[in-house]
């Protein structure tokens, strides 16, 4: 699961929506959505989002597994770390 999907899933678990969090932050929904989907999201932005959700940064990375995307076919390559 990519980080943006994990953030949205954690928010949903806490009963939060992107539009609701954007309203709490005083920004447009599109702005928050772009921030969450940005592959270069900053730690500061992650901390703000976690605070709004009421979770820790660890929740965004729990159960995270390394993932490599095949440059030829675009499919994920599964990695098992033992």
N, C-alpha and C. Protein backbone atom coordinates (compact mmCIF):
# COMPACT_ATOMS: atom_id res chain seq x y z
N UNK A 1 0.86 -1.18 0.00
CA UNK A 1 0.00 0.00 0.00
C UNK A 1 0.90 1.23 0.00
N UNK A 2 0.63 2.14 -0.91
CA UNK A 2 1.43 3.37 -0.95
C UNK A 2 1.01 4.28 0.20
N UNK A 3 1.87 5.22 0.53
CA UNK A 3 1.66 6.07 1.68
C UNK A 3 0.33 6.82 1.62
N UNK A 4 -0.02 7.38 0.47
CA UNK A 4 -1.27 8.13 0.35
C UNK A 4 -2.47 7.24 0.68
N UNK A 5 -2.46 6.00 0.19
CA UNK A 5 -3.56 5.08 0.49
C UNK A 5 -3.61 4.76 1.97
N UNK A 6 -2.45 4.60 2.59
CA UNK A 6 -2.38 4.30 4.03
C UNK A 6 -2.92 5.47 4.84
N UNK A 7 -2.56 6.69 4.47
CA UNK A 7 -3.05 7.88 5.18
C UNK A 7 -4.58 7.93 5.10
N UNK A 8 -5.11 7.70 3.91
CA UNK A 8 -6.57 7.72 3.74
C UNK A 8 -7.24 6.61 4.53
N UNK A 9 -6.63 5.44 4.58
CA UNK A 9 -7.20 4.32 5.33
C UNK A 9 -7.19 4.60 6.83
N UNK A 10 -6.10 5.16 7.33
CA UNK A 10 -6.01 5.50 8.76
C UNK A 10 -7.03 6.59 9.10
N UNK A 11 -7.15 7.57 8.22
CA UNK A 11 -8.13 8.65 8.44
C UNK A 11 -9.54 8.07 8.52
N UNK A 12 -9.85 7.18 7.60
CA UNK A 12 -11.17 6.55 7.57
C UNK A 12 -11.43 5.76 8.85
N UNK A 13 -10.41 5.04 9.34
CA UNK A 13 -10.54 4.29 10.59
C UNK A 13 -10.87 5.20 11.77
N UNK A 14 -10.40 6.43 11.69
CA UNK A 14 -10.64 7.40 12.76
C UNK A 14 -11.85 8.29 12.47
N UNK A 15 -12.61 7.94 11.45
CA UNK A 15 -13.82 8.70 11.12
C UNK A 15 -13.57 10.06 10.50
N UNK A 16 -12.42 10.21 9.87
CA UNK A 16 -12.06 11.48 9.23
C UNK A 16 -12.13 11.35 7.71
N UNK A 17 -12.45 12.45 7.07
CA UNK A 17 -12.45 12.52 5.62
C UNK A 17 -11.47 13.60 5.18
N UNK A 18 -11.07 13.53 3.94
CA UNK A 18 -10.15 14.54 3.40
C UNK A 18 -10.81 15.91 3.46
N UNK A 19 -12.08 15.99 3.09
CA UNK A 19 -12.76 17.29 3.10
C UNK A 19 -12.90 17.81 4.53
N UNK A 20 -13.19 16.95 5.46
CA UNK A 20 -13.31 17.37 6.86
C UNK A 20 -11.99 17.86 7.43
N UNK A 21 -10.92 17.14 7.12
CA UNK A 21 -9.60 17.55 7.61
C UNK A 21 -9.17 18.85 6.95
N UNK A 22 -9.47 19.01 5.66
CA UNK A 22 -9.12 20.25 4.97
C UNK A 22 -9.83 21.44 5.61
N UNK A 23 -11.11 21.24 5.96
CA UNK A 23 -11.86 22.31 6.61
C UNK A 23 -11.23 22.67 7.96
N UNK A 24 -10.82 21.65 8.71
CA UNK A 24 -10.17 21.89 10.01
C UNK A 24 -8.85 22.65 9.84
N UNK A 25 -8.15 22.38 8.75
CA UNK A 25 -6.87 23.04 8.49
C UNK A 25 -7.05 24.42 7.87
N UNK A 26 -8.24 24.68 7.34
CA UNK A 26 -8.49 25.95 6.68
C UNK A 26 -7.90 26.02 5.29
N UNK A 27 -7.82 24.84 4.62
CA UNK A 27 -7.30 24.80 3.25
C UNK A 27 -8.34 24.13 2.36
N UNK A 28 -8.17 24.29 1.05
CA UNK A 28 -9.09 23.66 0.11
C UNK A 28 -8.85 22.15 0.11
N UNK A 29 -9.91 21.40 -0.14
CA UNK A 29 -9.82 19.94 -0.19
C UNK A 29 -8.79 19.50 -1.24
N UNK A 30 -8.77 20.18 -2.37
CA UNK A 30 -7.83 19.83 -3.44
C UNK A 30 -6.38 19.99 -2.97
N UNK A 31 -6.14 21.04 -2.17
CA UNK A 31 -4.79 21.28 -1.67
C UNK A 31 -4.35 20.12 -0.77
N UNK A 32 -5.21 19.72 0.16
CA UNK A 32 -4.86 18.63 1.06
C UNK A 32 -4.71 17.32 0.29
N UNK A 33 -5.56 17.09 -0.67
CA UNK A 33 -5.47 15.88 -1.47
C UNK A 33 -4.15 15.83 -2.24
N UNK A 34 -3.75 16.97 -2.83
CA UNK A 34 -2.47 17.02 -3.54
C UNK A 34 -1.30 16.78 -2.59
N UNK A 35 -1.40 17.34 -1.38
CA UNK A 35 -0.35 17.16 -0.38
C UNK A 35 -0.21 15.69 -0.02
N UNK A 36 -1.32 15.02 0.24
CA UNK A 36 -1.31 13.62 0.64
C UNK A 36 -0.78 12.75 -0.50
N UNK A 37 -1.13 13.06 -1.73
CA UNK A 37 -0.72 12.24 -2.87
C UNK A 37 0.66 12.58 -3.41
N UNK A 38 1.29 13.61 -2.85
CA UNK A 38 2.61 14.03 -3.29
C UNK A 38 3.64 13.00 -2.81
N UNK A 39 4.40 12.38 -3.72
CA UNK A 39 5.40 11.40 -3.28
C UNK A 39 6.51 12.02 -2.45
N UNK A 40 6.60 13.34 -2.47
CA UNK A 40 7.62 14.04 -1.68
C UNK A 40 6.98 14.78 -0.49
N UNK A 41 5.95 14.20 0.08
CA UNK A 41 5.30 14.82 1.23
C UNK A 41 6.32 15.02 2.34
N UNK A 42 6.25 16.15 3.02
CA UNK A 42 7.23 16.46 4.05
C UNK A 42 6.83 15.84 5.39
N UNK A 43 7.82 15.69 6.23
CA UNK A 43 7.57 15.17 7.58
C UNK A 43 6.64 16.13 8.33
N UNK A 44 6.81 17.42 8.11
CA UNK A 44 5.96 18.42 8.75
C UNK A 44 4.50 18.23 8.34
N UNK A 45 4.25 18.00 7.07
CA UNK A 45 2.88 17.77 6.60
C UNK A 45 2.33 16.47 7.17
N UNK A 46 3.15 15.43 7.22
CA UNK A 46 2.70 14.16 7.80
C UNK A 46 2.33 14.33 9.27
N UNK A 47 3.13 15.11 10.01
CA UNK A 47 2.84 15.36 11.42
C UNK A 47 1.53 16.12 11.60
N UNK A 48 1.27 17.12 10.74
CA UNK A 48 0.02 17.88 10.81
C UNK A 48 -1.18 16.96 10.55
N UNK A 49 -1.05 16.12 9.54
CA UNK A 49 -2.15 15.21 9.17
C UNK A 49 -2.38 14.20 10.29
N UNK A 50 -1.31 13.65 10.83
CA UNK A 50 -1.45 12.70 11.94
C UNK A 50 -2.13 13.35 13.14
N UNK A 51 -1.77 14.59 13.41
CA UNK A 51 -2.37 15.32 14.53
C UNK A 51 -3.87 15.53 14.31
N UNK A 52 -4.25 15.88 13.09
CA UNK A 52 -5.67 16.07 12.77
C UNK A 52 -6.45 14.76 12.90
N UNK A 53 -5.82 13.68 12.46
CA UNK A 53 -6.49 12.38 12.54
C UNK A 53 -6.57 11.89 13.97
N UNK A 54 -5.54 12.24 14.76
CA UNK A 54 -5.47 11.76 16.14
C UNK A 54 -4.72 10.45 16.22
N UNK A 55 -3.69 10.32 15.37
CA UNK A 55 -2.90 9.09 15.35
C UNK A 55 -1.42 9.47 15.40
N UNK A 56 -0.57 8.47 15.41
CA UNK A 56 0.86 8.73 15.37
C UNK A 56 1.38 8.50 13.95
N UNK A 57 2.57 8.99 13.69
CA UNK A 57 3.18 8.76 12.38
C UNK A 57 3.38 7.27 12.13
N UNK A 58 3.61 6.51 13.18
CA UNK A 58 3.79 5.06 13.02
C UNK A 58 2.59 4.41 12.37
N UNK A 59 1.40 4.94 12.60
CA UNK A 59 0.20 4.36 12.01
C UNK A 59 0.24 4.40 10.48
N UNK A 60 0.92 5.39 9.93
CA UNK A 60 1.01 5.50 8.47
C UNK A 60 1.97 4.46 7.88
N UNK A 61 2.87 3.95 8.72
CA UNK A 61 3.89 3.04 8.22
C UNK A 61 3.76 1.63 8.78
N UNK A 62 2.78 1.40 9.63
CA UNK A 62 2.57 0.07 10.20
C UNK A 62 2.28 -0.91 9.07
N UNK A 63 2.84 -2.07 9.18
CA UNK A 63 2.65 -3.13 8.19
C UNK A 63 3.17 -2.74 6.81
N UNK A 64 4.00 -1.73 6.74
CA UNK A 64 4.54 -1.33 5.44
C UNK A 64 5.59 -2.33 4.99
N UNK A 65 5.52 -2.70 3.76
CA UNK A 65 6.49 -3.61 3.20
C UNK A 65 7.17 -2.90 2.03
N UNK A 66 8.47 -3.12 1.90
CA UNK A 66 9.16 -2.51 0.76
C UNK A 66 8.54 -2.98 -0.54
N UNK A 67 8.47 -2.08 -1.49
CA UNK A 67 7.88 -2.45 -2.77
C UNK A 67 8.70 -1.85 -3.90
N UNK A 68 8.97 -2.67 -4.87
CA UNK A 68 9.67 -2.23 -6.06
C UNK A 68 8.73 -2.41 -7.24
N UNK A 69 8.66 -1.42 -8.09
CA UNK A 69 7.82 -1.49 -9.28
C UNK A 69 8.71 -1.85 -10.48
N UNK A 70 8.31 -2.84 -11.23
CA UNK A 70 9.05 -3.26 -12.41
C UNK A 70 9.04 -2.12 -13.44
N UNK A 71 10.22 -1.70 -13.88
CA UNK A 71 10.26 -0.60 -14.85
C UNK A 71 9.75 -1.00 -16.24
N UNK A 72 9.62 -2.29 -16.49
CA UNK A 72 9.17 -2.75 -17.80
C UNK A 72 7.66 -2.89 -17.89
N UNK A 73 7.08 -3.57 -16.89
CA UNK A 73 5.63 -3.82 -16.96
C UNK A 73 4.82 -2.97 -15.99
N UNK A 74 5.49 -2.31 -15.01
CA UNK A 74 4.79 -1.46 -14.06
C UNK A 74 4.11 -2.19 -12.93
N UNK A 75 4.31 -3.51 -12.85
CA UNK A 75 3.69 -4.29 -11.78
C UNK A 75 4.62 -4.32 -10.57
N UNK A 76 4.03 -4.38 -9.36
CA UNK A 76 4.87 -4.46 -8.17
C UNK A 76 5.59 -5.81 -8.09
N UNK A 77 6.81 -5.77 -7.57
CA UNK A 77 7.59 -6.96 -7.34
C UNK A 77 7.53 -7.21 -5.83
N UNK A 78 7.06 -8.37 -5.43
CA UNK A 78 6.92 -8.69 -4.02
C UNK A 78 8.28 -9.05 -3.43
N UNK A 79 8.57 -8.47 -2.27
CA UNK A 79 9.83 -8.69 -1.59
C UNK A 79 9.53 -9.29 -0.23
N UNK A 80 10.17 -10.40 0.07
CA UNK A 80 10.04 -11.01 1.39
C UNK A 80 11.35 -10.83 2.13
N UNK A 81 11.29 -10.21 3.30
CA UNK A 81 12.48 -10.00 4.11
C UNK A 81 12.42 -10.95 5.28
N UNK A 82 13.45 -11.74 5.43
CA UNK A 82 13.49 -12.72 6.51
C UNK A 82 14.62 -12.42 7.44
